[in-house]
Amino acid sequence: MSEIPGPAYRIHTPRLVIRCWNPVDAPLLKTAIDESVDHLRPWMPWAYNEPEDLQKKIDLLRSFRGKFDLGQDFVYGIFNKDETRVLGGTGLHTRIGEGAREIGYWIHKDYTNQGLATEVSAALTKVAFEIDGVERVEIHCDAENVRSAAVPRKLGYTHDATLRKRVRAHDGTLRDAMIWSLLRQDYPSSPAAAVQIEAFDAIGRPIPLKPVLP
């Protein structure tokens, strides 16, 4: 039987389904963002454009799906186990260059402080190294976002730098950004290497993981 390659369209963790967005998810996404907009605005500049109408969400998810299918960028929805509610959004972004991924995330206001961002980031870290075969994974966050910075710290990422006045906020001011990274050579000792996940391709076939040896 031939090996099934990535990307992972669907990932199962102990509490979550993390999967490629489909346009049919637009109503669930809109509900999640509308309910969380005040929670998201301090850290997510795009939240200042919310609420948007449903058609804009449909168009956005069509764009996400198109880029996913073309291998250009990998944006995921975070769902509860029966996929009746959107709990947030995440991604394995390609914008930091070849051989690397950047993980981003946001969580619905009703599901914060439950370790979901850490669970999601651990799963995507594992996918990045054991399916995509990258050499480096990064997490970027606002220097004042203490909760967000706790995620890479828990997973054994290294705080490489705090870049001053690097990210433009919605009001035009520049804010400091923290850069965290995990290298392939350090991944085996990360808590992410020990997490249990299942990953599936575009038609639902299981994708075998390739553990990284110390």
Foldseek 3Di string as FASTA:
>chain_A
DDADADDFQWKDAPWKIKGQFALVCLVQVLVLLVQALVVCQVWDQVSVVDDDDSVVSSVVSVVSVVCVVVVQWFKIFIAGPVRPHTQWIWTQGCVVHPLETEIDIDGRPVPPPVCPVLRVVLRVVQSCCFRVNGFKYKYKGFPPPVSSVVNVVLFVWAFPDWAAQDDAHNVGGGTIMIMTMDGLVRNVVTPSLVGDMWTAHPVGHTHDTHRRDD
